[in-house]
């Protein structure tokens, strides 16, 4: 009686350990795929950030601001005679 009970407990625990190993392995694979997805998303967002930074720098340039002011806002080009010199006394 004790021998069969021990054998039943022994086999049951081994089956449980095998099931736990399988569960652990599936969790590792699942998290590996998630990590891969996040790395791809990070690469895509880094490229987008670089593109937006480049666009921001080009829009901040003097030529872009000058063209925008003349084309979009309809400002006439400034002449040298319109500039006034301010002297501190």
C-alpha atoms as a PDB file:
ATOM      1  CA  UNK A   1       0.000   0.000   0.000  1.00  0.00           C
ATOM      2  CA  UNK A   2       2.744   2.468   0.934  1.00  0.00           C
ATOM      3  CA  UNK A   3       4.747   1.550  -2.115  1.00  0.00           C
ATOM      4  CA  UNK A   4       1.869   2.226  -4.532  1.00  0.00           C
ATOM      5  CA  UNK A   5       1.026   5.511  -2.776  1.00  0.00           C
ATOM      6  CA  UNK A   6       4.647   6.644  -2.975  1.00  0.00           C
ATOM      7  CA  UNK A   7       4.785   5.689  -6.643  1.00  0.00           C
ATOM      8  CA  UNK A   8       1.559   7.622  -7.346  1.00  0.00           C
ATOM      9  CA  UNK A   9       2.864  10.735  -5.568  1.00  0.00           C
ATOM     10  CA  UNK A  10       6.240  10.399  -7.307  1.00  0.00           C
ATOM     11  CA  UNK A  11       4.690  10.132 -10.783  1.00  0.00           C
ATOM     12  CA  UNK A  12       2.201  12.933 -10.075  1.00  0.00           C
ATOM     13  CA  UNK A  13       4.935  15.333  -8.945  1.00  0.00           C
ATOM     14  CA  UNK A  14       7.041  14.508 -11.994  1.00  0.00           C
ATOM     15  CA  UNK A  15       4.117  15.105 -14.304  1.00  0.00           C
ATOM     16  CA  UNK A  16       3.469  18.429 -12.565  1.00  0.00           C
ATOM     17  CA  UNK A  17       7.123  19.425 -12.940  1.00  0.00           C
ATOM     18  CA  UNK A  18       6.990  18.545 -16.629  1.00  0.00           C
ATOM     19  CA  UNK A  19       3.850  20.639 -17.047  1.00  0.00           C
ATOM     20  CA  UNK A  20       5.499  23.529 -15.217  1.00  0.00           C
ATOM     21  CA  UNK A  21       8.545  23.302 -17.497  1.00  0.00           C
ATOM     22  CA  UNK A  22       6.299  23.368 -20.554  1.00  0.00           C
ATOM     23  CA  UNK A  23       4.426  26.370 -19.156  1.00  0.00           C
ATOM     24  CA  UNK A  24       7.693  28.159 -18.396  1.00  0.00           C
ATOM     25  CA  UNK A  25       8.973  27.490 -21.902  1.00  0.00           C
ATOM     26  CA  UNK A  26       5.804  28.822 -23.516  1.00  0.00           C
ATOM     27  CA  UNK A  27       6.024  31.947 -21.345  1.00  0.00           C
ATOM     28  CA  UNK A  28       9.635  32.493 -22.433  1.00  0.00           C
ATOM     29  CA  UNK A  29       8.675  32.131 -26.094  1.00  0.00           C
ATOM     30  CA  UNK A  30       5.704  34.469 -25.681  1.00  0.00           C
ATOM     31  CA  UNK A  31       7.835  37.139 -24.008  1.00  0.00           C
ATOM     32  CA  UNK A  32      10.506  36.710 -26.660  1.00  0.00           C
ATOM     33  CA  UNK A  33       7.979  37.509 -29.380  1.00  0.00           C
ATOM     34  CA  UNK A  34       6.706  40.497 -27.387  1.00  0.00           C
ATOM     35  CA  UNK A  35      10.272  41.743 -26.996  1.00  0.00           C
ATOM     36  CA  UNK A  36      10.841  41.399 -30.718  1.00  0.00           C
ATOM     37  CA  UNK A  37       7.672  43.388 -31.457  1.00  0.00           C
ATOM     38  CA  UNK A  38       8.737  46.136 -29.048  1.00  0.00           C
ATOM     39  CA  UNK A  39      12.208  46.290 -30.602  1.00  0.00           C
ATOM     40  CA  UNK A  40      10.666  46.705 -34.059  1.00  0.00           C
ATOM     41  CA  UNK A  41       8.352  49.403 -32.724  1.00  0.00           C
ATOM     42  CA  UNK A  42      11.310  51.146 -31.088  1.00  0.00           C
ATOM     43  CA  UNK A  43      13.254  51.109 -34.357  1.00  0.00           C
ATOM     44  CA  UNK A  44      10.255  52.510 -36.237  1.00  0.00           C
ATOM     45  CA  UNK A  45       9.734  55.256 -33.642  1.00  0.00           C
ATOM     46  CA  UNK A  46      13.449  56.129 -33.701  1.00  0.00           C
ATOM     47  CA  UNK A  47      13.304  56.559 -37.471  1.00  0.00           C
ATOM     48  CA  UNK A  48      10.169  58.682 -37.123  1.00  0.00           C
ATOM     49  CA  UNK A  49      11.841  60.814 -34.449  1.00  0.00           C
ATOM     50  CA  UNK A  50      14.868  61.328 -36.684  1.00  0.00           C
ATOM     51  CA  UNK A  51      12.641  62.311 -39.606  1.00  0.00           C
ATOM     52  CA  UNK A  52      10.643  64.761 -37.459  1.00  0.00           C
ATOM     53  CA  UNK A  53      13.833  66.259 -36.019  1.00  0.00           C
ATOM     54  CA  UNK A  54      15.161  66.766 -39.533  1.00  0.00           C
ATOM     55  CA  UNK A  55      11.880  68.379 -40.590  1.00  0.00           C
ATOM     56  CA  UNK A  56      11.958  70.669 -37.531  1.00  0.00           C
ATOM     57  CA  UNK A  57      15.502  71.780 -38.274  1.00  0.00           C
ATOM     58  CA  UNK A  58      14.644  72.490 -41.899  1.00  0.00           C
ATOM     59  CA  UNK A  59      11.547  74.490 -40.870  1.00  0.00           C
ATOM     60  CA  UNK A  60      13.568  76.521 -38.368  1.00  0.00           C
ATOM     61  CA  UNK A  61      16.109  77.575 -40.981  1.00  0.00           C
ATOM     62  CA  UNK A  62      16.257  81.228 -41.971  1.00  0.00           C
ATOM     63  CA  UNK A  63      15.384  80.504 -45.594  1.00  0.00           C
ATOM     64  CA  UNK A  64      12.287  78.494 -44.652  1.00  0.00           C
ATOM     65  CA  UNK A  65      11.044  81.237 -42.319  1.00  0.00           C
ATOM     66  CA  UNK A  66      11.742  83.878 -44.959  1.00  0.00           C
ATOM     67  CA  UNK A  67       9.890  81.927 -47.682  1.00  0.00           C
ATOM     68  CA  UNK A  68       6.970  81.207 -45.344  1.00  0.00           C
ATOM     69  CA  UNK A  69       6.671  84.877 -44.352  1.00  0.00           C
ATOM     70  CA  UNK A  70       6.621  86.010 -47.975  1.00  0.00           C
ATOM     71  CA  UNK A  71       4.468  83.241 -49.455  1.00  0.00           C
ATOM     72  CA  UNK A  72       2.025  82.375 -46.678  1.00  0.00           C
ATOM     73  CA  UNK A  73       1.727  85.699 -44.882  1.00  0.00           C
ATOM     74  CA  UNK A  74       2.224  87.933 -47.911  1.00  0.00           C
ATOM     75  CA  UNK A  75       4.956  90.034 -46.311  1.00  0.00           C
ATOM     76  CA  UNK A  76       6.987  92.091 -48.762  1.00  0.00           C
ATOM     77  CA  UNK A  77      10.770  91.761 -48.702  1.00  0.00           C
ATOM     78  CA  UNK A  78      12.463  94.270 -46.437  1.00  0.00           C
ATOM     79  CA  UNK A  79      14.601  96.988 -47.968  1.00  0.00           C
ATOM     80  CA  UNK A  80      17.772  98.323 -46.454  1.00  0.00           C
ATOM     81  CA  UNK A  81      16.269 101.807 -46.162  1.00  0.00           C
ATOM     82  CA  UNK A  82      13.492 100.473 -43.912  1.00  0.00           C
ATOM     83  CA  UNK A  83      15.954  99.397 -41.227  1.00  0.00           C
ATOM     84  CA  UNK A  84      16.416 101.899 -38.435  1.00  0.00           C
ATOM     85  CA  UNK A  85      19.474 101.941 -36.258  1.00  0.00           C
ATOM     86  CA  UNK A  86      18.895 102.259 -32.534  1.00  0.00           C
ATOM     87  CA  UNK A  87      21.763 103.845 -30.628  1.00  0.00           C
ATOM     88  CA  UNK A  88      21.945 103.759 -26.860  1.00  0.00           C
ATOM     89  CA  UNK A  89      22.884 107.128 -25.431  1.00  0.00           C
END
